[in-house]
Amino acid sequence: MKHLLVAATVLLLSTASAWAAPKSTTLNVSNMTCATCPITVKQALTRVKGVTRAVVDFDKKQAIVTFDDAQTTVAALVKATTDAGYPSTVAPAAKR
């Protein structure tokens, strides 16, 4: 019985990444005042484990971030930009 429990646990842990799905979110980023600020914001976001892409738009004051939701959360992304000196919030979903 103990071996069955161990095997089930191993199987569950090995398939956890199969449940992960790439997600994308848009963050409104404040405090970007010059053309080099997006570089810092992008570096902060891409250092978060699970982030696969970050595109920062200085004119719109936004960052579009693609990430693995099994490795990070939107809250961690917001924390990363805030800790770098650029507080952010989740942008409202675009109306279709």
PDB file of N, CA and C in Angstrom:
ATOM      1  N   MET A   1       0.818  -1.184   0.000  1.00  0.00           N
ATOM      2  CA  MET A   1       0.000   0.000   0.000  1.00  0.00           C
ATOM      3  C   MET A   1       0.868   1.256   0.000  1.00  0.00           C
ATOM      4  N   LYS A   2       1.949   1.218   0.762  1.00  0.00           N
ATOM      5  CA  LYS A   2       2.842   2.365   0.836  1.00  0.00           C
ATOM      6  C   LYS A   2       3.444   2.643  -0.536  1.00  0.00           C
ATOM      7  N   HIS A   3       3.830   1.585  -1.272  1.00  0.00           N
ATOM      8  CA  HIS A   3       4.416   1.756  -2.601  1.00  0.00           C
ATOM      9  C   HIS A   3       3.403   2.349  -3.578  1.00  0.00           C
ATOM     10  N   LEU A   4       2.156   1.963  -3.431  1.00  0.00           N
ATOM     11  CA  LEU A   4       1.107   2.493  -4.294  1.00  0.00           C
ATOM     12  C   LEU A   4       0.922   3.994  -4.054  1.00  0.00           C
ATOM     13  N   LEU A   5       0.959   4.401  -2.798  1.00  0.00           N
ATOM     14  CA  LEU A   5       0.828   5.808  -2.454  1.00  0.00           C
ATOM     15  C   LEU A   5       1.999   6.611  -3.000  1.00  0.00           C
ATOM     16  N   VAL A   6       3.208   6.093  -2.882  1.00  0.00           N
ATOM     17  CA  VAL A   6       4.397   6.763  -3.409  1.00  0.00           C
ATOM     18  C   VAL A   6       4.308   6.875  -4.925  1.00  0.00           C
ATOM     19  N   ALA A   7       3.904   5.811  -5.588  1.00  0.00           N
ATOM     20  CA  ALA A   7       3.790   5.823  -7.046  1.00  0.00           C
ATOM     21  C   ALA A   7       2.741   6.830  -7.496  1.00  0.00           C
ATOM     22  N   ALA A   8       1.631   6.901  -6.799  1.00  0.00           N
ATOM     23  CA  ALA A   8       0.580   7.852  -7.152  1.00  0.00           C
ATOM     24  C   ALA A   8       1.056   9.288  -6.959  1.00  0.00           C
ATOM     25  N   THR A   9       1.796   9.531  -5.901  1.00  0.00           N
ATOM     26  CA  THR A   9       2.334  10.863  -5.643  1.00  0.00           C
ATOM     27  C   THR A   9       3.317  11.272  -6.728  1.00  0.00           C
ATOM     28  N   VAL A  10       4.205  10.378  -7.111  1.00  0.00           N
ATOM     29  CA  VAL A  10       5.180  10.656  -8.164  1.00  0.00           C
ATOM     30  C   VAL A  10       4.469  10.943  -9.475  1.00  0.00           C
ATOM     31  N   LEU A  11       3.476  10.165  -9.795  1.00  0.00           N
ATOM     32  CA  LEU A  11       2.721  10.373 -11.025  1.00  0.00           C
ATOM     33  C   LEU A  11       2.017  11.724 -11.007  1.00  0.00           C
ATOM     34  N   LEU A  12       1.422  12.062  -9.897  1.00  0.00           N
ATOM     35  CA  LEU A  12       0.732  13.340  -9.766  1.00  0.00           C
ATOM     36  C   LEU A  12       1.697  14.508  -9.934  1.00  0.00           C
ATOM     37  N   LEU A  13       2.839  14.441  -9.303  1.00  0.00           N
ATOM     38  CA  LEU A  13       3.820  15.515  -9.400  1.00  0.00           C
ATOM     39  C   LEU A  13       4.419  15.624 -10.797  1.00  0.00           C
ATOM     40  N   SER A  14       4.609  14.504 -11.460  1.00  0.00           N
ATOM     41  CA  SER A  14       5.208  14.545 -12.793  1.00  0.00           C
ATOM     42  C   SER A  14       4.242  15.062 -13.845  1.00  0.00           C
ATOM     43  N   THR A  15       2.949  14.982 -13.587  1.00  0.00           N
ATOM     44  CA  THR A  15       1.977  15.480 -14.558  1.00  0.00           C
ATOM     45  C   THR A  15       1.463  16.870 -14.215  1.00  0.00           C
ATOM     46  N   ALA A  16       1.934  17.445 -13.135  1.00  0.00           N
ATOM     47  CA  ALA A  16       1.461  18.775 -12.737  1.00  0.00           C
ATOM     48  C   ALA A  16       1.746  19.805 -13.812  1.00  0.00           C
ATOM     49  N   SER A  17       2.887  19.705 -14.478  1.00  0.00           N
ATOM     50  CA  SER A  17       3.204  20.677 -15.520  1.00  0.00           C
ATOM     51  C   SER A  17       2.268  20.537 -16.715  1.00  0.00           C
ATOM     52  N   ALA A  18       1.652  19.380 -16.889  1.00  0.00           N
ATOM     53  CA  ALA A  18       0.694  19.206 -17.982  1.00  0.00           C
ATOM     54  C   ALA A  18      -0.558  20.038 -17.748  1.00  0.00           C
ATOM     55  N   TRP A  19      -0.844  20.387 -16.494  1.00  0.00           N
ATOM     56  CA  TRP A  19      -1.992  21.217 -16.182  1.00  0.00           C
ATOM     57  C   TRP A  19      -1.697  22.697 -16.390  1.00  0.00           C
ATOM     58  N   ALA A  20      -0.415  23.041 -16.457  1.00  0.00           N
ATOM     59  CA  ALA A  20      -0.029  24.434 -16.630  1.00  0.00           C
ATOM     60  C   ALA A  20      -0.423  24.905 -18.026  1.00  0.00           C
ATOM     61  N   ALA A  21      -0.802  26.139 -18.079  1.00  0.00           N
ATOM     62  CA  ALA A  21      -1.177  26.711 -19.365  1.00  0.00           C
ATOM     63  C   ALA A  21      -0.511  28.075 -19.497  1.00  0.00           C
ATOM     64  N   PRO A  22      -0.004  28.380 -20.682  1.00  0.00           N
ATOM     65  CA  PRO A  22       0.565  29.719 -20.841  1.00  0.00           C
ATOM     66  C   PRO A  22      -0.556  30.755 -20.710  1.00  0.00           C
ATOM     67  N   LYS A  23      -0.284  31.762 -19.953  1.00  0.00           N
ATOM     68  CA  LYS A  23      -1.237  32.849 -19.730  1.00  0.00           C
ATOM     69  C   LYS A  23      -0.596  34.152 -20.180  1.00  0.00           C
ATOM     70  N   SER A  24      -1.431  35.114 -20.427  1.00  0.00           N
ATOM     71  CA  SER A  24      -0.947  36.440 -20.793  1.00  0.00           C
ATOM     72  C   SER A  24      -1.765  37.457 -20.026  1.00  0.00           C
ATOM     73  N   THR A  25      -1.106  38.499 -19.558  1.00  0.00           N
ATOM     74  CA  THR A  25      -1.794  39.565 -18.861  1.00  0.00           C
ATOM     75  C   THR A  25      -1.191  40.895 -19.266  1.00  0.00           C
ATOM     76  N   THR A  26      -1.984  41.922 -19.170  1.00  0.00           N
ATOM     77  CA  THR A  26      -1.506  43.274 -19.442  1.00  0.00           C
ATOM     78  C   THR A  26      -1.488  44.042 -18.135  1.00  0.00           C
ATOM     79  N   LEU A  27      -0.359  44.672 -17.871  1.00  0.00           N
ATOM     80  CA  LEU A  27      -0.203  45.469 -16.665  1.00  0.00           C
ATOM     81  C   LEU A  27      -0.102  46.943 -17.034  1.00  0.00           C
ATOM     82  N   ASN A  28      -0.818  47.788 -16.316  1.00  0.00           N
ATOM     83  CA  ASN A  28      -0.622  49.230 -16.425  1.00  0.00           C
ATOM     84  C   ASN A  28       0.525  49.570 -15.486  1.00  0.00           C
ATOM     85  N   VAL A  29       1.563  50.195 -16.018  1.00  0.00           N
ATOM     86  CA  VAL A  29       2.778  50.447 -15.242  1.00  0.00           C
ATOM     87  C   VAL A  29       2.954  51.953 -15.043  1.00  0.00           C
ATOM     88  N   SER A  30       3.065  52.367 -13.799  1.00  0.00           N
ATOM     89  CA  SER A  30       3.270  53.789 -13.516  1.00  0.00           C
ATOM     90  C   SER A  30       4.749  54.082 -13.257  1.00  0.00           C
ATOM     91  N   ASN A  31       5.055  55.354 -13.201  1.00  0.00           N
ATOM     92  CA  ASN A  31       6.408  55.859 -12.940  1.00  0.00           C
ATOM     93  C   ASN A  31       7.366  55.721 -14.114  1.00  0.00           C
ATOM     94  N   MET A  32       6.917  55.283 -15.276  1.00  0.00           N
ATOM     95  CA  MET A  32       7.813  55.246 -16.437  1.00  0.00           C
ATOM     96  C   MET A  32       7.851  56.656 -17.024  1.00  0.00           C
ATOM     97  N   THR A  33       8.979  57.335 -16.843  1.00  0.00           N
ATOM     98  CA  THR A  33       9.086  58.726 -17.251  1.00  0.00           C
ATOM     99  C   THR A  33      10.078  58.963 -18.381  1.00  0.00           C
ATOM    100  N   CYS A  34      10.847  57.958 -18.736  1.00  0.00           N
ATOM    101  CA  CYS A  34      11.815  58.149 -19.823  1.00  0.00           C
ATOM    102  C   CYS A  34      11.867  56.877 -20.676  1.00  0.00           C
ATOM    103  N   ALA A  35      12.500  56.994 -21.809  1.00  0.00           N
ATOM    104  CA  ALA A  35      12.532  55.889 -22.771  1.00  0.00           C
ATOM    105  C   ALA A  35      13.321  54.678 -22.279  1.00  0.00           C
ATOM    106  N   THR A  36      14.146  54.835 -21.252  1.00  0.00           N
ATOM    107  CA  THR A  36      14.905  53.691 -20.746  1.00  0.00           C
ATOM    108  C   THR A  36      14.184  52.947 -19.616  1.00  0.00           C
ATOM    109  N   CYS A  37      13.134  53.538 -19.071  1.00  0.00           N
ATOM    110  CA  CYS A  37      12.380  52.873 -17.999  1.00  0.00           C
ATOM    111  C   CYS A  37      11.843  51.495 -18.417  1.00  0.00           C
ATOM    112  N   PRO A  38      11.336  51.342 -19.647  1.00  0.00           N
ATOM    113  CA  PRO A  38      10.838  50.025 -20.045  1.00  0.00           C
ATOM    114  C   PRO A  38      11.885  48.917 -19.978  1.00  0.00           C
ATOM    115  N   ILE A  39      13.144  49.273 -20.120  1.00  0.00           N
ATOM    116  CA  ILE A  39      14.212  48.263 -20.019  1.00  0.00           C
ATOM    117  C   ILE A  39      14.230  47.676 -18.610  1.00  0.00           C
ATOM    118  N   THR A  40      14.147  48.539 -17.613  1.00  0.00           N
ATOM    119  CA  THR A  40      14.152  48.081 -16.216  1.00  0.00           C
ATOM    120  C   THR A  40      12.918  47.245 -15.915  1.00  0.00           C
ATOM    121  N   VAL A  41      11.763  47.688 -16.411  1.00  0.00           N
ATOM    122  CA  VAL A  41      10.520  46.954 -16.180  1.00  0.00           C
ATOM    123  C   VAL A  41      10.608  45.571 -16.828  1.00  0.00           C
ATOM    124  N   LYS A  42      11.097  45.520 -18.062  1.00  0.00           N
ATOM    125  CA  LYS A  42      11.218  44.236 -18.757  1.00  0.00           C
ATOM    126  C   LYS A  42      12.176  43.305 -18.021  1.00  0.00           C
ATOM    127  N   GLN A  43      13.301  43.820 -17.566  1.00  0.00           N
ATOM    128  CA  GLN A  43      14.253  42.995 -16.824  1.00  0.00           C
ATOM    129  C   GLN A  43      13.620  42.450 -15.543  1.00  0.00           C
ATOM    130  N   ALA A  44      12.881  43.282 -14.848  1.00  0.00           N
ATOM    131  CA  ALA A  44      12.228  42.838 -13.608  1.00  0.00           C
ATOM    132  C   ALA A  44      11.249  41.711 -13.893  1.00  0.00           C
ATOM    133  N   LEU A  45      10.486  41.851 -14.966  1.00  0.00           N
ATOM    134  CA  LEU A  45       9.492  40.826 -15.300  1.00  0.00           C
ATOM    135  C   LEU A  45      10.132  39.535 -15.787  1.00  0.00           C
ATOM    136  N   THR A  46      11.140  39.628 -16.629  1.00  0.00           N
ATOM    137  CA  THR A  46      11.744  38.412 -17.180  1.00  0.00           C
ATOM    138  C   THR A  46      12.580  37.655 -16.147  1.00  0.00           C
ATOM    139  N   ARG A  47      12.874  38.278 -15.041  1.00  0.00           N
ATOM    140  CA  ARG A  47      13.584  37.572 -13.958  1.00  0.00           C
ATOM    141  C   ARG A  47      12.641  36.719 -13.115  1.00  0.00           C
ATOM    142  N   VAL A  48      11.349  36.909 -13.285  1.00  0.00           N
ATOM    143  CA  VAL A  48      10.369  36.107 -12.542  1.00  0.00           C
ATOM    144  C   VAL A  48      10.307  34.727 -13.190  1.00  0.00           C
ATOM    145  N   LYS A  49      10.500  33.694 -12.369  1.00  0.00           N
ATOM    146  CA  LYS A  49      10.468  32.332 -12.880  1.00  0.00           C
ATOM    147  C   LYS A  49       9.107  32.051 -13.509  1.00  0.00           C
ATOM    148  N   GLY A  50       9.135  31.545 -14.740  1.00  0.00           N
ATOM    149  CA  GLY A  50       7.901  31.227 -15.440  1.00  0.00           C
ATOM    150  C   GLY A  50       7.524  32.230 -16.511  1.00  0.00           C
ATOM    151  N   VAL A  51       8.120  33.413 -16.478  1.00  0.00           N
ATOM    152  CA  VAL A  51       7.839  34.415 -17.510  1.00  0.00           C
ATOM    153  C   VAL A  51       8.590  34.022 -18.777  1.00  0.00           C
ATOM    154  N   THR A  52       7.859  33.938 -19.877  1.00  0.00           N
ATOM    155  CA  THR A  52       8.476  33.568 -21.153  1.00  0.00           C
ATOM    156  C   THR A  52       8.638  34.760 -22.086  1.00  0.00           C
ATOM    157  N   ARG A  53       7.859  35.829 -21.815  1.00  0.00           N
ATOM    158  CA  ARG A  53       7.956  37.004 -22.691  1.00  0.00           C
ATOM    159  C   ARG A  53       7.389  38.213 -21.965  1.00  0.00           C
ATOM    160  N   ALA A  54       8.034  39.350 -22.167  1.00  0.00           N
ATOM    161  CA  ALA A  54       7.533  40.613 -21.630  1.00  0.00           C
ATOM    162  C   ALA A  54       7.785  41.697 -22.668  1.00  0.00           C
ATOM    163  N   VAL A  55       6.726  42.369 -23.063  1.00  0.00           N
ATOM    164  CA  VAL A  55       6.825  43.471 -24.020  1.00  0.00           C
ATOM    165  C   VAL A  55       6.306  44.713 -23.302  1.00  0.00           C
ATOM    166  N   VAL A  56       7.162  45.715 -23.189  1.00  0.00           N
ATOM    167  CA  VAL A  56       6.809  46.923 -22.449  1.00  0.00           C
ATOM    168  C   VAL A  56       6.669  48.081 -23.437  1.00  0.00           C
ATOM    169  N   ASP A  57       5.540  48.772 -23.365  1.00  0.00           N
ATOM    170  CA  ASP A  57       5.241  49.895 -24.253  1.00  0.00           C
ATOM    171  C   ASP A  57       5.284  51.188 -23.440  1.00  0.00           C
ATOM    172  N   PHE A  58       6.299  52.008 -23.712  1.00  0.00           N
ATOM    173  CA  PHE A  58       6.472  53.248 -22.965  1.00  0.00           C
ATOM    174  C   PHE A  58       5.311  54.212 -23.202  1.00  0.00           C
ATOM    175  N   ASP A  59       4.880  54.347 -24.443  1.00  0.00           N
ATOM    176  CA  ASP A  59       3.816  55.300 -24.766  1.00  0.00           C
ATOM    177  C   ASP A  59       2.491  54.942 -24.092  1.00  0.00           C
ATOM    178  N   LYS A  60       2.165  53.664 -24.059  1.00  0.00           N
ATOM    179  CA  LYS A  60       0.913  53.223 -23.430  1.00  0.00           C
ATOM    180  C   LYS A  60       1.068  53.006 -21.932  1.00  0.00           C
ATOM    181  N   LYS A  61       2.312  52.994 -21.459  1.00  0.00           N
ATOM    182  CA  LYS A  61       2.604  52.717 -20.037  1.00  0.00           C
ATOM    183  C   LYS A  61       2.054  51.353 -19.638  1.00  0.00           C
ATOM    184  N   GLN A  62       2.307  50.367 -20.511  1.00  0.00           N
ATOM    185  CA  GLN A  62       1.809  49.017 -20.274  1.00  0.00           C
ATOM    186  C   GLN A  62       2.883  47.967 -20.531  1.00  0.00           C
ATOM    187  N   ALA A  63       2.680  46.819 -19.916  1.00  0.00           N
ATOM    188  CA  ALA A  63       3.521  45.644 -20.163  1.00  0.00           C
ATOM    189  C   ALA A  63       2.596  44.468 -20.448  1.00  0.00           C
ATOM    190  N   ILE A  64       2.886  43.759 -21.527  1.00  0.00           N
ATOM    191  CA  ILE A  64       2.149  42.538 -21.840  1.00  0.00           C
ATOM    192  C   ILE A  64       3.091  41.388 -21.495  1.00  0.00           C
ATOM    193  N   VAL A  65       2.643  40.537 -20.590  1.00  0.00           N
ATOM    194  CA  VAL A  65       3.503  39.483 -20.051  1.00  0.00           C
ATOM    195  C   VAL A  65       2.887  38.121 -20.333  1.00  0.00           C
ATOM    196  N   THR A  66       3.696  37.225 -20.880  1.00  0.00           N
ATOM    197  CA  THR A  66       3.298  35.840 -21.092  1.00  0.00           C
ATOM    198  C   THR A  66       4.055  35.001 -20.069  1.00  0.00           C
ATOM    199  N   PHE A  67       3.320  34.124 -19.387  1.00  0.00           N
ATOM    200  CA  PHE A  67       3.936  33.366 -18.298  1.00  0.00           C
ATOM    201  C   PHE A  67       3.268  32.008 -18.134  1.00  0.00           C
ATOM    202  N   ASP A  68       3.962  31.126 -17.451  1.00  0.00           N
ATOM    203  CA  ASP A  68       3.454  29.794 -17.114  1.00  0.00           C
ATOM    204  C   ASP A  68       2.764  29.902 -15.756  1.00  0.00           C
ATOM    205  N   ASP A  69       1.466  29.681 -15.736  1.00  0.00           N
ATOM    206  CA  ASP A  69       0.720  29.869 -14.493  1.00  0.00           C
ATOM    207  C   ASP A  69       0.990  28.805 -13.437  1.00  0.00           C
ATOM    208  N   ALA A  70       1.744  27.786 -13.793  1.00  0.00           N
ATOM    209  CA  ALA A  70       2.151  26.800 -12.788  1.00  0.00           C
ATOM    210  C   ALA A  70       3.409  27.260 -12.050  1.00  0.00           C
ATOM    211  N   GLN A  71       4.079  28.264 -12.600  1.00  0.00           N
ATOM    212  CA  GLN A  71       5.327  28.722 -11.997  1.00  0.00           C
ATOM    213  C   GLN A  71       5.235  30.103 -11.364  1.00  0.00           C
ATOM    214  N   THR A  72       4.278  30.905 -11.773  1.00  0.00           N
ATOM    215  CA  THR A  72       4.159  32.242 -11.199  1.00  0.00           C
ATOM    216  C   THR A  72       2.715  32.715 -11.263  1.00  0.00           C
ATOM    217  N   THR A  73       2.485  33.868 -10.677  1.00  0.00           N
ATOM    218  CA  THR A  73       1.134  34.440 -10.619  1.00  0.00           C
ATOM    219  C   THR A  73       1.183  35.900 -11.070  1.00  0.00           C
ATOM    220  N   VAL A  74       0.020  36.432 -11.341  1.00  0.00           N
ATOM    221  CA  VAL A  74      -0.062  37.850 -11.692  1.00  0.00           C
ATOM    222  C   VAL A  74       0.412  38.700 -10.511  1.00  0.00           C
ATOM    223  N   ALA A  75       0.104  38.283  -9.315  1.00  0.00           N
ATOM    224  CA  ALA A  75       0.554  39.021  -8.126  1.00  0.00           C
ATOM    225  C   ALA A  75       2.081  39.103  -8.070  1.00  0.00           C
ATOM    226  N   ALA A  76       2.763  38.033  -8.470  1.00  0.00           N
ATOM    227  CA  ALA A  76       4.228  38.046  -8.493  1.00  0.00           C
ATOM    228  C   ALA A  76       4.757  38.999  -9.555  1.00  0.00           C
ATOM    229  N   LEU A  77       4.046  39.115 -10.663  1.00  0.00           N
ATOM    230  CA  LEU A  77       4.448  40.048 -11.717  1.00  0.00           C
ATOM    231  C   LEU A  77       4.303  41.492 -11.232  1.00  0.00           C
ATOM    232  N   VAL A  78       3.179  41.778 -10.588  1.00  0.00           N
ATOM    233  CA  VAL A  78       2.950  43.110 -10.031  1.00  0.00           C
ATOM    234  C   VAL A  78       4.014  43.433  -8.994  1.00  0.00           C
ATOM    235  N   LYS A  79       4.340  42.472  -8.158  1.00  0.00           N
ATOM    236  CA  LYS A  79       5.375  42.668  -7.132  1.00  0.00           C
ATOM    237  C   LYS A  79       6.727  42.957  -7.769  1.00  0.00           C
ATOM    238  N   ALA A  80       7.045  42.263  -8.860  1.00  0.00           N
ATOM    239  CA  ALA A  80       8.336  42.458  -9.531  1.00  0.00           C
ATOM    240  C   ALA A  80       8.473  43.879 -10.061  1.00  0.00           C
ATOM    241  N   THR A  81       7.439  44.398 -10.708  1.00  0.00           N
ATOM    242  CA  THR A  81       7.535  45.768 -11.223  1.00  0.00           C
ATOM    243  C   THR A  81       7.550  46.780 -10.082  1.00  0.00           C
ATOM    244  N   THR A  82       6.744  46.531  -9.070  1.00  0.00           N
ATOM    245  CA  THR A  82       6.684  47.438  -7.923  1.00  0.00           C
ATOM    246  C   THR A  82       8.021  47.478  -7.198  1.00  0.00           C
ATOM    247  N   ASP A  83       8.628  46.315  -6.997  1.00  0.00           N
ATOM    248  CA  ASP A  83       9.933  46.252  -6.328  1.00  0.00           C
ATOM    249  C   ASP A  83      11.024  46.955  -7.141  1.00  0.00           C
ATOM    250  N   ALA A  84      10.841  47.029  -8.458  1.00  0.00           N
ATOM    251  CA  ALA A  84      11.809  47.712  -9.326  1.00  0.00           C
ATOM    252  C   ALA A  84      11.549  49.219  -9.388  1.00  0.00           C
ATOM    253  N   GLY A  85      10.491  49.683  -8.698  1.00  0.00           N
ATOM    254  CA  GLY A  85      10.199  51.110  -8.663  1.00  0.00           C
ATOM    255  C   GLY A  85       9.104  51.545  -9.616  1.00  0.00           C
ATOM    256  N   TYR A  86       8.423  50.567 -10.213  1.00  0.00           N
ATOM    257  CA  TYR A  86       7.376  50.856 -11.178  1.00  0.00           C
ATOM    258  C   TYR A  86       6.101  50.110 -10.778  1.00  0.00           C
ATOM    259  N   PRO A  87       5.318  50.690  -9.880  1.00  0.00           N
ATOM    260  CA  PRO A  87       4.090  50.021  -9.454  1.00  0.00           C
ATOM    261  C   PRO A  87       3.189  49.733 -10.654  1.00  0.00           C
ATOM    262  N   SER A  88       2.541  48.590 -10.612  1.00  0.00           N
ATOM    263  CA  SER A  88       1.658  48.225 -11.717  1.00  0.00           C
ATOM    264  C   SER A  88       0.349  47.658 -11.187  1.00  0.00           C
ATOM    265  N   THR A  89      -0.627  47.663 -12.067  1.00  0.00           N
ATOM    266  CA  THR A  89      -1.919  47.060 -11.777  1.00  0.00           C
ATOM    267  C   THR A  89      -2.356  46.300 -13.008  1.00  0.00           C
ATOM    268  N   VAL A  90      -3.234  45.351 -12.812  1.00  0.00           N
ATOM    269  CA  VAL A  90      -3.756  44.584 -13.940  1.00  0.00           C
ATOM    270  C   VAL A  90      -4.693  45.481 -14.736  1.00  0.00           C
ATOM    271  N   ALA A  91      -4.460  45.546 -16.046  1.00  0.00           N
ATOM    272  CA  ALA A  91      -5.302  46.357 -16.911  1.00  0.00           C
ATOM    273  C   ALA A  91      -6.656  45.663 -17.080  1.00  0.00           C
ATOM    274  N   PRO A  92      -7.720  46.430 -17.142  1.00  0.00           N
ATOM    275  CA  PRO A  92      -9.027  45.825 -17.374  1.00  0.00           C
ATOM    276  C   PRO A  92      -9.052  45.134 -18.746  1.00  0.00           C
ATOM    277  N   ALA A  93      -9.813  44.074 -18.842  1.00  0.00           N
ATOM    278  CA  ALA A  93      -9.922  43.342 -20.111  1.00  0.00           C
ATOM    279  C   ALA A  93     -10.536  44.257 -21.161  1.00  0.00           C
ATOM    280  N   ALA A  94     -10.018  44.163 -22.366  1.00  0.00           N
ATOM    281  CA  ALA A  94     -10.536  44.983 -23.466  1.00  0.00           C
ATOM    282  C   ALA A  94     -11.944  44.529 -23.835  1.00  0.00           C
ATOM    283  N   LYS A  95     -12.800  45.489 -24.104  1.00  0.00           N
ATOM    284  CA  LYS A  95     -14.155  45.162 -24.512  1.00  0.00           C
ATOM    285  C   LYS A  95     -14.152  44.761 -25.976  1.00  0.00           C
ATOM    286  N   ARG A  96     -14.956  43.754 -26.315  1.00  0.00           N
ATOM    287  CA  ARG A  96     -14.978  43.273 -27.688  1.00  0.00           C
ATOM    288  C   ARG A  96     -16.262  43.649 -28.349  1.00  0.00           C
TER     289      ARG A  96
END
